[in-house]
């Protein structure tokens, strides 16, 4: 149960971050962003339940080039959402 709750919290935080980025980029307004997040919550719960019961083989993936690009992006001087 704890793993499932943690997975749900992670999924909600991930998608909330994506919606926040869309709002800051003016792709959607704040109200539409909240509607999008509220609309996906039931699916996030189902996804979290499935992920919580998955094995490492089910979850495993490899994306070396994507990871390297993300690391390079992190050290660029000019970033849209600098933290």
PDB file of N, CA and C in Angstrom:
ATOM      1  N   UNK A   1       0.829  -1.204   0.000  1.00  0.00           N
ATOM      2  CA  UNK A   1       0.000   0.000   0.000  1.00  0.00           C
ATOM      3  C   UNK A   1       0.865   1.257   0.000  1.00  0.00           C
ATOM      4  N   UNK A   2       1.947   1.253   0.764  1.00  0.00           N
ATOM      5  CA  UNK A   2       2.821   2.437   0.810  1.00  0.00           C
ATOM      6  C   UNK A   2       3.467   2.688  -0.545  1.00  0.00           C
ATOM      7  N   UNK A   3       3.861   1.617  -1.226  1.00  0.00           N
ATOM      8  CA  UNK A   3       4.468   1.781  -2.552  1.00  0.00           C
ATOM      9  C   UNK A   3       3.460   2.383  -3.522  1.00  0.00           C
ATOM     10  N   UNK A   4       2.231   1.926  -3.456  1.00  0.00           N
ATOM     11  CA  UNK A   4       1.201   2.456  -4.350  1.00  0.00           C
ATOM     12  C   UNK A   4       0.950   3.932  -4.076  1.00  0.00           C
ATOM     13  N   UNK A   5       0.877   4.314  -2.813  1.00  0.00           N
ATOM     14  CA  UNK A   5       0.638   5.728  -2.469  1.00  0.00           C
ATOM     15  C   UNK A   5       1.795   6.610  -2.920  1.00  0.00           C
ATOM     16  N   UNK A   6       3.014   6.106  -2.747  1.00  0.00           N
ATOM     17  CA  UNK A   6       4.181   6.865  -3.190  1.00  0.00           C
ATOM     18  C   UNK A   6       4.189   7.010  -4.712  1.00  0.00           C
ATOM     19  N   UNK A   7       3.810   5.938  -5.403  1.00  0.00           N
ATOM     20  CA  UNK A   7       3.753   5.984  -6.859  1.00  0.00           C
ATOM     21  C   UNK A   7       2.681   6.950  -7.324  1.00  0.00           C
ATOM     22  N   UNK A   8       1.537   6.958  -6.668  1.00  0.00           N
ATOM     23  CA  UNK A   8       0.470   7.910  -7.009  1.00  0.00           C
ATOM     24  C   UNK A   8       0.946   9.340  -6.798  1.00  0.00           C
ATOM     25  N   UNK A   9       1.603   9.598  -5.668  1.00  0.00           N
ATOM     26  CA  UNK A   9       2.097  10.949  -5.377  1.00  0.00           C
ATOM     27  C   UNK A   9       3.119  11.388  -6.420  1.00  0.00           C
ATOM     28  N   UNK A  10       4.007  10.480  -6.811  1.00  0.00           N
ATOM     29  CA  UNK A  10       5.002  10.800  -7.824  1.00  0.00           C
ATOM     30  C   UNK A  10       4.333  11.130  -9.151  1.00  0.00           C
ATOM     31  N   UNK A  11       3.354  10.320  -9.556  1.00  0.00           N
ATOM     32  CA  UNK A  11       2.668  10.544 -10.831  1.00  0.00           C
ATOM     33  C   UNK A  11       1.931  11.877 -10.837  1.00  0.00           C
ATOM     34  N   UNK A  12       1.252  12.191  -9.747  1.00  0.00           N
ATOM     35  CA  UNK A  12       0.536  13.471  -9.668  1.00  0.00           C
ATOM     36  C   UNK A  12       1.525  14.633  -9.733  1.00  0.00           C
ATOM     37  N   UNK A  13       2.642  14.532  -9.015  1.00  0.00           N
ATOM     38  CA  UNK A  13       3.647  15.603  -9.032  1.00  0.00           C
ATOM     39  C   UNK A  13       4.239  15.766 -10.424  1.00  0.00           C
ATOM     40  N   UNK A  14       4.511  14.666 -11.103  1.00  0.00           N
ATOM     41  CA  UNK A  14       5.076  14.724 -12.442  1.00  0.00           C
ATOM     42  C   UNK A  14       4.131  15.438 -13.405  1.00  0.00           C
ATOM     43  N   UNK A  15       2.870  15.027 -13.407  1.00  0.00           N
ATOM     44  CA  UNK A  15       1.921  15.636 -14.325  1.00  0.00           C
ATOM     45  C   UNK A  15       1.568  17.068 -13.916  1.00  0.00           C
ATOM     46  N   UNK A  16       1.557  17.369 -12.644  1.00  0.00           N
ATOM     47  CA  UNK A  16       1.336  18.748 -12.202  1.00  0.00           C
ATOM     48  C   UNK A  16       2.468  19.646 -12.692  1.00  0.00           C
ATOM     49  N   UNK A  17       3.694  19.126 -12.694  1.00  0.00           N
ATOM     50  CA  UNK A  17       4.830  19.875 -13.202  1.00  0.00           C
ATOM     51  C   UNK A  17       4.682  20.134 -14.703  1.00  0.00           C
ATOM     52  N   UNK A  18       4.234  19.138 -15.453  1.00  0.00           N
ATOM     53  CA  UNK A  18       4.026  19.321 -16.889  1.00  0.00           C
ATOM     54  C   UNK A  18       2.931  20.345 -17.170  1.00  0.00           C
ATOM     55  N   UNK A  19       1.849  20.288 -16.408  1.00  0.00           N
ATOM     56  CA  UNK A  19       0.767  21.261 -16.576  1.00  0.00           C
ATOM     57  C   UNK A  19       1.263  22.655 -16.212  1.00  0.00           C
ATOM     58  N   UNK A  20       2.045  22.762 -15.154  1.00  0.00           N
ATOM     59  CA  UNK A  20       2.604  24.051 -14.763  1.00  0.00           C
ATOM     60  C   UNK A  20       3.472  24.636 -15.872  1.00  0.00           C
ATOM     61  N   UNK A  21       4.279  23.806 -16.505  1.00  0.00           N
ATOM     62  CA  UNK A  21       5.112  24.271 -17.619  1.00  0.00           C
ATOM     63  C   UNK A  21       4.242  24.753 -18.772  1.00  0.00           C
ATOM     64  N   UNK A  22       3.170  24.030 -19.065  1.00  0.00           N
ATOM     65  CA  UNK A  22       2.265  24.442 -20.143  1.00  0.00           C
ATOM     66  C   UNK A  22       1.603  25.778 -19.832  1.00  0.00           C
ATOM     67  N   UNK A  23       1.245  25.990 -18.579  1.00  0.00           N
ATOM     68  CA  UNK A  23       0.638  27.264 -18.179  1.00  0.00           C
ATOM     69  C   UNK A  23       1.662  28.388 -18.314  1.00  0.00           C
ATOM     70  N   UNK A  24       2.898  28.162 -17.841  1.00  0.00           N
ATOM     71  CA  UNK A  24       3.926  29.207 -17.922  1.00  0.00           C
ATOM     72  C   UNK A  24       4.315  29.518 -19.358  1.00  0.00           C
ATOM     73  N   UNK A  25       4.219  28.547 -20.241  1.00  0.00           N
ATOM     74  CA  UNK A  25       4.506  28.779 -21.654  1.00  0.00           C
ATOM     75  C   UNK A  25       3.310  29.386 -22.379  1.00  0.00           C
ATOM     76  N   UNK A  26       2.218  29.573 -21.671  1.00  0.00           N
ATOM     77  CA  UNK A  26       0.965  30.121 -22.221  1.00  0.00           C
ATOM     78  C   UNK A  26       0.355  29.219 -23.285  1.00  0.00           C
ATOM     79  N   UNK A  27       0.602  27.919 -23.170  1.00  0.00           N
ATOM     80  CA  UNK A  27      -0.033  26.960 -24.062  1.00  0.00           C
ATOM     81  C   UNK A  27      -1.492  26.789 -23.657  1.00  0.00           C
ATOM     82  N   UNK A  28      -1.729  26.750 -22.357  1.00  0.00           N
ATOM     83  CA  UNK A  28      -3.079  26.696 -21.802  1.00  0.00           C
ATOM     84  C   UNK A  28      -3.162  27.701 -20.662  1.00  0.00           C
ATOM     85  N   UNK A  29      -4.357  28.104 -20.339  1.00  0.00           N
ATOM     86  CA  UNK A  29      -4.557  28.985 -19.201  1.00  0.00           C
ATOM     87  C   UNK A  29      -4.587  28.188 -17.903  1.00  0.00           C
ATOM     88  N   UNK A  30      -4.646  28.907 -16.793  1.00  0.00           N
ATOM     89  CA  UNK A  30      -4.637  28.243 -15.494  1.00  0.00           C
ATOM     90  C   UNK A  30      -5.849  27.345 -15.293  1.00  0.00           C
ATOM     91  N   UNK A  31      -6.997  27.821 -15.684  1.00  0.00           N
ATOM     92  CA  UNK A  31      -8.222  27.021 -15.508  1.00  0.00           C
ATOM     93  C   UNK A  31      -8.175  25.759 -16.358  1.00  0.00           C
ATOM     94  N   UNK A  32      -7.770  25.905 -17.624  1.00  0.00           N
ATOM     95  CA  UNK A  32      -7.667  24.723 -18.488  1.00  0.00           C
ATOM     96  C   UNK A  32      -6.590  23.765 -17.998  1.00  0.00           C
ATOM     97  N   UNK A  33      -5.520  24.296 -17.441  1.00  0.00           N
ATOM     98  CA  UNK A  33      -4.486  23.444 -16.872  1.00  0.00           C
ATOM     99  C   UNK A  33      -5.011  22.628 -15.711  1.00  0.00           C
ATOM    100  N   UNK A  34      -5.779  23.255 -14.841  1.00  0.00           N
ATOM    101  CA  UNK A  34      -6.376  22.535 -13.711  1.00  0.00           C
ATOM    102  C   UNK A  34      -7.391  21.509 -14.186  1.00  0.00           C
ATOM    103  N   UNK A  35      -8.145  21.852 -15.221  1.00  0.00           N
ATOM    104  CA  UNK A  35      -9.108  20.887 -15.786  1.00  0.00           C
ATOM    105  C   UNK A  35      -8.380  19.671 -16.362  1.00  0.00           C
ATOM    106  N   UNK A  36      -7.284  19.932 -17.057  1.00  0.00           N
ATOM    107  CA  UNK A  36      -6.513  18.827 -17.639  1.00  0.00           C
ATOM    108  C   UNK A  36      -5.973  17.921 -16.541  1.00  0.00           C
ATOM    109  N   UNK A  37      -5.432  18.517 -15.487  1.00  0.00           N
ATOM    110  CA  UNK A  37      -4.900  17.717 -14.385  1.00  0.00           C
ATOM    111  C   UNK A  37      -6.014  16.934 -13.690  1.00  0.00           C
ATOM    112  N   UNK A  38      -7.147  17.579 -13.436  1.00  0.00           N
ATOM    113  CA  UNK A  38      -8.275  16.885 -12.796  1.00  0.00           C
ATOM    114  C   UNK A  38      -8.799  15.755 -13.680  1.00  0.00           C
ATOM    115  N   UNK A  39      -8.779  15.949 -14.983  1.00  0.00           N
ATOM    116  CA  UNK A  39      -9.276  14.927 -15.897  1.00  0.00           C
ATOM    117  C   UNK A  39      -8.393  13.691 -15.964  1.00  0.00           C
ATOM    118  N   UNK A  40      -7.107  13.877 -15.713  1.00  0.00           N
ATOM    119  CA  UNK A  40      -6.184  12.742 -15.824  1.00  0.00           C
ATOM    120  C   UNK A  40      -5.996  12.008 -14.497  1.00  0.00           C
ATOM    121  N   UNK A  41      -6.462  12.566 -13.402  1.00  0.00           N
ATOM    122  CA  UNK A  41      -6.250  11.944 -12.089  1.00  0.00           C
ATOM    123  C   UNK A  41      -6.740  10.500 -11.997  1.00  0.00           C
ATOM    124  N   UNK A  42      -7.943  10.165 -12.494  1.00  0.00           N
ATOM    125  CA  UNK A  42      -8.358   8.752 -12.416  1.00  0.00           C
ATOM    126  C   UNK A  42      -7.399   7.819 -13.162  1.00  0.00           C
ATOM    127  N   UNK A  43      -6.900   8.262 -14.308  1.00  0.00           N
ATOM    128  CA  UNK A  43      -5.951   7.443 -15.066  1.00  0.00           C
ATOM    129  C   UNK A  43      -4.620   7.329 -14.327  1.00  0.00           C
ATOM    130  N   UNK A  44      -4.214   8.385 -13.637  1.00  0.00           N
ATOM    131  CA  UNK A  44      -2.969   8.333 -12.871  1.00  0.00           C
ATOM    132  C   UNK A  44      -3.070   7.321 -11.739  1.00  0.00           C
ATOM    133  N   UNK A  45      -4.228   7.252 -11.111  1.00  0.00           N
ATOM    134  CA  UNK A  45      -4.435   6.269 -10.047  1.00  0.00           C
ATOM    135  C   UNK A  45      -4.301   4.852 -10.572  1.00  0.00           C
ATOM    136  N   UNK A  46      -4.911   4.578 -11.720  1.00  0.00           N
ATOM    137  CA  UNK A  46      -4.819   3.247 -12.326  1.00  0.00           C
ATOM    138  C   UNK A  46      -3.381   2.942 -12.742  1.00  0.00           C
ATOM    139  N   UNK A  47      -2.706   3.936 -13.309  1.00  0.00           N
ATOM    140  CA  UNK A  47      -1.317   3.751 -13.720  1.00  0.00           C
ATOM    141  C   UNK A  47      -0.428   3.476 -12.508  1.00  0.00           C
ATOM    142  N   UNK A  48      -0.666   4.178 -11.425  1.00  0.00           N
ATOM    143  CA  UNK A  48       0.130   3.985 -10.205  1.00  0.00           C
ATOM    144  C   UNK A  48      -0.094   2.595  -9.617  1.00  0.00           C
ATOM    145  N   UNK A  49      -1.333   2.129  -9.617  1.00  0.00           N
ATOM    146  CA  UNK A  49      -1.619   0.782  -9.115  1.00  0.00           C
ATOM    147  C   UNK A  49      -0.893  -0.274  -9.937  1.00  0.00           C
ATOM    148  N   UNK A  50      -0.899  -0.094 -11.252  1.00  0.00           N
ATOM    149  CA  UNK A  50      -0.219  -1.043 -12.130  1.00  0.00           C
ATOM    150  C   UNK A  50       1.296  -0.990 -11.911  1.00  0.00           C
ATOM    151  N   UNK A  51       1.848   0.202 -11.792  1.00  0.00           N
ATOM    152  CA  UNK A  51       3.297   0.342 -11.599  1.00  0.00           C
ATOM    153  C   UNK A  51       3.732  -0.192 -10.243  1.00  0.00           C
ATOM    154  N   UNK A  52       2.895  -0.016  -9.213  1.00  0.00           N
ATOM    155  CA  UNK A  52       3.255  -0.468  -7.867  1.00  0.00           C
ATOM    156  C   UNK A  52       3.372  -1.986  -7.792  1.00  0.00           C
ATOM    157  N   UNK A  53       2.631  -2.683  -8.640  1.00  0.00           N
ATOM    158  CA  UNK A  53       2.686  -4.148  -8.614  1.00  0.00           C
ATOM    159  C   UNK A  53       3.611  -4.715  -9.686  1.00  0.00           C
ATOM    160  N   UNK A  54       4.286  -3.860 -10.437  1.00  0.00           N
ATOM    161  CA  UNK A  54       5.164  -4.318 -11.514  1.00  0.00           C
ATOM    162  C   UNK A  54       6.533  -4.721 -10.968  1.00  0.00           C
ATOM    163  N   UNK A  55       7.184  -5.598 -11.687  1.00  0.00           N
ATOM    164  CA  UNK A  55       8.557  -5.990 -11.319  1.00  0.00           C
ATOM    165  C   UNK A  55       9.541  -5.038 -12.006  1.00  0.00           C
ATOM    166  N   UNK A  56      10.800  -5.137 -11.638  1.00  0.00           N
ATOM    167  CA  UNK A  56      11.820  -4.302 -12.278  1.00  0.00           C
ATOM    168  C   UNK A  56      11.922  -4.598 -13.768  1.00  0.00           C
ATOM    169  N   UNK A  57      11.711  -5.849 -14.153  1.00  0.00           N
ATOM    170  CA  UNK A  57      11.728  -6.189 -15.575  1.00  0.00           C
ATOM    171  C   UNK A  57      10.588  -5.503 -16.328  1.00  0.00           C
ATOM    172  N   UNK A  58       9.446  -5.352 -15.664  1.00  0.00           N
ATOM    173  CA  UNK A  58       8.315  -4.663 -16.288  1.00  0.00           C
ATOM    174  C   UNK A  58       8.588  -3.173 -16.451  1.00  0.00           C
ATOM    175  N   UNK A  59       9.325  -2.600 -15.515  1.00  0.00           N
ATOM    176  CA  UNK A  59       9.556  -1.157 -15.497  1.00  0.00           C
ATOM    177  C   UNK A  59      10.843  -0.737 -16.196  1.00  0.00           C
ATOM    178  N   UNK A  60      11.733  -1.650 -16.434  1.00  0.00           N
ATOM    179  CA  UNK A  60      13.060  -1.323 -16.951  1.00  0.00           C
ATOM    180  C   UNK A  60      13.030  -0.658 -18.312  1.00  0.00           C
ATOM    181  N   UNK A  61      13.953   0.256 -18.519  1.00  0.00           N
ATOM    182  CA  UNK A  61      14.114   0.930 -19.793  1.00  0.00           C
ATOM    183  C   UNK A  61      15.518   1.523 -19.849  1.00  0.00           C
ATOM    184  N   UNK A  62      15.917   1.930 -21.014  1.00  0.00           N
ATOM    185  CA  UNK A  62      17.236   2.513 -21.186  1.00  0.00           C
ATOM    186  C   UNK A  62      17.136   3.623 -22.224  1.00  0.00           C
ATOM    187  N   UNK A  63      17.608   4.792 -21.891  1.00  0.00           N
ATOM    188  CA  UNK A  63      17.566   5.925 -22.809  1.00  0.00           C
ATOM    189  C   UNK A  63      18.829   6.765 -22.629  1.00  0.00           C
ATOM    190  N   UNK A  64      19.972   6.194 -22.972  1.00  0.00           N
ATOM    191  CA  UNK A  64      21.247   6.876 -22.745  1.00  0.00           C
ATOM    192  C   UNK A  64      21.312   8.234 -23.432  1.00  0.00           C
ATOM    193  N   UNK A  65      20.915   8.299 -24.685  1.00  0.00           N
ATOM    194  CA  UNK A  65      21.018   9.569 -25.423  1.00  0.00           C
ATOM    195  C   UNK A  65      20.100  10.629 -24.818  1.00  0.00           C
ATOM    196  N   UNK A  66      18.922  10.219 -24.427  1.00  0.00           N
ATOM    197  CA  UNK A  66      18.009  11.159 -23.782  1.00  0.00           C
ATOM    198  C   UNK A  66      18.573  11.648 -22.451  1.00  0.00           C
ATOM    199  N   UNK A  67      19.158  10.745 -21.685  1.00  0.00           N
ATOM    200  CA  UNK A  67      19.765  11.125 -20.406  1.00  0.00           C
ATOM    201  C   UNK A  67      20.935  12.090 -20.605  1.00  0.00           C
ATOM    202  N   UNK A  68      21.754  11.836 -21.604  1.00  0.00           N
ATOM    203  CA  UNK A  68      22.887  12.722 -21.883  1.00  0.00           C
ATOM    204  C   UNK A  68      22.384  14.098 -22.316  1.00  0.00           C
ATOM    205  N   UNK A  69      21.370  14.138 -23.159  1.00  0.00           N
ATOM    206  CA  UNK A  69      20.805  15.424 -23.582  1.00  0.00           C
ATOM    207  C   UNK A  69      20.229  16.177 -22.394  1.00  0.00           C
ATOM    208  N   UNK A  70      19.579  15.474 -21.482  1.00  0.00           N
ATOM    209  CA  UNK A  70      19.023  16.124 -20.290  1.00  0.00           C
ATOM    210  C   UNK A  70      20.133  16.682 -19.412  1.00  0.00           C
ATOM    211  N   UNK A  71      21.240  15.942 -19.286  1.00  0.00           N
ATOM    212  CA  UNK A  71      22.362  16.433 -18.484  1.00  0.00           C
ATOM    213  C   UNK A  71      22.981  17.672 -19.109  1.00  0.00           C
ATOM    214  N   UNK A  72      23.091  17.696 -20.420  1.00  0.00           N
ATOM    215  CA  UNK A  72      23.641  18.881 -21.101  1.00  0.00           C
ATOM    216  C   UNK A  72      22.701  20.068 -20.941  1.00  0.00           C
ATOM    217  N   UNK A  73      21.419  19.827 -21.038  1.00  0.00           N
ATOM    218  CA  UNK A  73      20.438  20.902 -20.897  1.00  0.00           C
ATOM    219  C   UNK A  73      20.524  21.530 -19.507  1.00  0.00           C
ATOM    220  N   UNK A  74      20.768  20.710 -18.518  1.00  0.00           N
ATOM    221  CA  UNK A  74      20.814  21.193 -17.141  1.00  0.00           C
ATOM    222  C   UNK A  74      21.919  22.217 -16.922  1.00  0.00           C
ATOM    223  N   UNK A  75      23.011  22.116 -17.660  1.00  0.00           N
ATOM    224  CA  UNK A  75      24.145  23.015 -17.444  1.00  0.00           C
ATOM    225  C   UNK A  75      24.189  24.178 -18.426  1.00  0.00           C
ATOM    226  N   UNK A  76      23.215  24.300 -19.294  1.00  0.00           N
ATOM    227  CA  UNK A  76      23.185  25.442 -20.215  1.00  0.00           C
ATOM    228  C   UNK A  76      22.941  26.728 -19.439  1.00  0.00           C
ATOM    229  N   UNK A  77      23.500  27.820 -19.936  1.00  0.00           N
ATOM    230  CA  UNK A  77      23.342  29.090 -19.228  1.00  0.00           C
ATOM    231  C   UNK A  77      21.894  29.571 -19.282  1.00  0.00           C
ATOM    232  N   UNK A  78      21.331  29.589 -20.460  1.00  0.00           N
ATOM    233  CA  UNK A  78      19.972  30.110 -20.629  1.00  0.00           C
ATOM    234  C   UNK A  78      18.979  28.962 -20.666  1.00  0.00           C
ATOM    235  N   UNK A  79      18.124  28.883 -19.677  1.00  0.00           N
ATOM    236  CA  UNK A  79      17.070  27.876 -19.651  1.00  0.00           C
ATOM    237  C   UNK A  79      15.760  28.568 -19.357  1.00  0.00           C
ATOM    238  N   UNK A  80      14.710  28.035 -19.913  1.00  0.00           N
ATOM    239  CA  UNK A  80      13.395  28.650 -19.740  1.00  0.00           C
ATOM    240  C   UNK A  80      12.941  28.614 -18.289  1.00  0.00           C
ATOM    241  N   UNK A  81      13.100  27.487 -17.629  1.00  0.00           N
ATOM    242  CA  UNK A  81      12.659  27.334 -16.237  1.00  0.00           C
ATOM    243  C   UNK A  81      13.872  27.063 -15.377  1.00  0.00           C
ATOM    244  N   UNK A  82      14.711  28.026 -15.198  1.00  0.00           N
ATOM    245  CA  UNK A  82      15.940  27.866 -14.423  1.00  0.00           C
ATOM    246  C   UNK A  82      15.586  27.733 -12.945  1.00  0.00           C
ATOM    247  N   UNK A  83      16.100  26.703 -12.312  1.00  0.00           N
ATOM    248  CA  UNK A  83      15.790  26.504 -10.906  1.00  0.00           C
ATOM    249  C   UNK A  83      17.048  26.550 -10.070  1.00  0.00           C
TER     250      UNK A  83
END
